[in-house]
């Protein structure tokens, strides 16, 4: 996720948008809602905010962080995809075991799931 910040200023922009939303809504703090892998990104955003703007900024701008279906404890399937590959139920005529292994190791999100 740090590449998003380095390349695009993604997390800085998110913090600016959150602050703008609060100001446009009678200074009511924002509720962050994240789903699935977005939960990991949301958690990173909160850590980024803490480091860059401090706890007072978080308390003023973020009311709560609601998560749905986040992989907080990881996902066992990600280990399998790194070690042996997984065809995800596809027949070998469509995806060979070797190709599944290469594909599983190429996903940038896999380390987040360990």
Foldseek 3Di string as FASTA:
>chain_A
DVVCCVPPVVLVVVLVVLVVVCVVVVQDADEAEAEEVRVVVVVVSVVVCCVPPRPVSCVRHYPYYHYYHYLPVADPVLVCLQPFFDPPPDDCVVPNSVNRNVVSVPDPCSVVRD
